[in-house]
Every structure is written in structure tokens, then in C-alpha cells.
Protein backbone atom coordinates (compact mmCIF):
# COMPACT_ATOMS: atom_id res chain seq x y z
CA MET A 1 133.65 145.67 119.04
CA ASN A 2 132.04 144.85 115.71
CA LYS A 3 128.43 145.86 115.35
CA LEU A 4 125.95 143.16 114.47
CA TYR A 5 123.69 145.78 112.85
CA ASP A 6 124.31 149.45 112.15
CA VAL A 7 121.08 151.20 113.17
CA GLN A 8 121.14 154.67 111.64
CA ASP A 9 117.63 155.94 112.37
CA ILE A 10 114.35 155.09 114.08
CA ASN A 11 111.20 157.10 113.41
CA PHE A 12 107.50 156.51 113.69
CA ASN A 13 104.73 157.33 111.23
CA ASP A 14 101.55 156.67 113.20
CA ASP A 15 101.75 152.95 113.99
CA VAL A 16 104.61 152.12 111.62
CA MET A 17 108.22 152.13 112.76
CA LEU A 18 110.64 153.35 110.10
CA LEU A 19 113.89 151.61 110.89
CA THR A 20 117.07 152.33 108.95
CA VAL A 21 119.57 149.49 109.35
CA ASN A 22 122.74 148.94 107.35
CA GLY A 23 121.60 151.59 104.86
CA GLU A 24 118.19 150.03 104.18
CA CYS A 25 114.85 151.43 105.36
CA TYR A 26 112.44 148.91 106.87
CA HIS A 27 108.78 149.36 107.82
CA VAL A 28 107.61 147.54 110.95
CA ALA A 29 103.99 147.45 112.09
CA VAL A 30 104.31 148.52 115.72
CA LYS A 31 101.34 146.36 116.70
CA ASP A 32 103.21 143.28 115.46
CA ALA A 33 106.43 144.25 117.26
CA SER A 34 105.30 145.18 120.77
CA ASP A 35 102.09 145.86 122.68
CA ARG A 36 103.94 148.29 124.98
CA LEU A 37 105.33 150.23 122.06
CA PHE A 38 101.96 150.17 120.28
CA GLN A 39 100.23 151.74 123.30
CA ALA A 40 103.06 154.20 124.05
CA SER A 41 102.95 157.95 123.57
CA ASP A 42 105.03 159.64 120.87
CA ILE A 43 107.39 160.92 123.56
CA ASP A 44 107.95 157.44 125.01
CA ARG A 45 108.56 156.04 121.53
CA ARG A 46 111.33 158.60 120.98
CA LEU A 47 113.16 157.75 124.22
CA TYR A 48 115.29 154.80 123.17
CA LYS A 49 118.87 153.65 123.27
CA ILE A 50 120.53 151.44 120.67
CA ALA A 51 122.82 148.76 122.09
CA PRO A 52 126.47 149.50 121.28
CA SER A 53 126.73 146.06 119.64
CA GLY A 54 123.81 146.90 117.35
CA TYR A 55 121.93 143.89 118.71
CA GLY A 56 118.82 145.66 119.97
CA ILE A 57 116.91 148.73 121.05
CA HIS A 58 115.87 149.63 124.59
CA TRP A 59 112.95 152.02 125.19
CA ILE A 60 113.86 153.65 128.47
CA THR A 61 110.50 154.76 129.88
CA LEU A 62 108.72 151.62 128.66
CA ASP A 63 111.37 149.16 129.89
CA GLU A 64 110.99 147.42 126.53
CA ASP A 65 113.78 145.68 124.63
CA LEU A 66 113.50 144.50 121.03
CA SER A 67 116.15 142.79 118.96
CA ILE A 68 117.02 144.16 115.55
CA GLN A 69 116.95 140.63 114.15
CA GLY A 70 113.40 140.12 115.43
CA LEU A 71 112.25 143.45 113.99
CA LEU A 72 113.77 142.69 110.59
CA LYS A 73 111.96 139.34 110.49
CA ILE A 74 108.56 141.07 110.64
CA ALA A 75 109.53 144.12 108.56
CA THR A 76 108.97 145.01 104.96
CA ILE A 77 111.77 146.77 103.11
CA GLU A 78 111.12 150.13 101.52
CA GLU A 79 111.59 149.93 97.79
CA LYS A 80 114.15 152.31 96.40
CA VAL A 81 113.00 154.71 93.72
CA THR A 82 115.48 154.92 90.85
């Protein structure tokens, strides 16, 4: 199975999701992505599963599913320092 997206890492810095996809780091305002995720505890935010196809992310305790494509549409890319 080919992956649509290769999600390497998901972290949170307050209300910003730091999403590493295909080697690029994206910043997503959690408030813009999901009300459930925005109101969730740090523990609930860390309990997720990435779809084997790379299509989306499922937050287990929140019963929330977000597509990678949708997240990337609202994200800003982190500029690389050279």
C-alpha cells in the first residue's frame, strides 16, 4: 500500500499543532482544525493513531478524525533556517 502522506510527527505547542509530513514541518492552529481537539486535554491530544494509508489522523479518546489534506490546507509551513 502506498502512503498518501508520510506523517512523521505530531506535537502540540499550546494551541498550535506541529505536524511533520513528508519531511516538512507545518503549523496548524488547533482552533481552526477542530473544536474537539481545541478543547481537549494534553493527554487526549497525544492519544492518536495515523491511518496506515497516511490519509488521516484519529484521536482515540475524542473520536475525532481529521484528514491530512484538510490540515495542510489550513497550515503554514515552517521556514527552514539555512
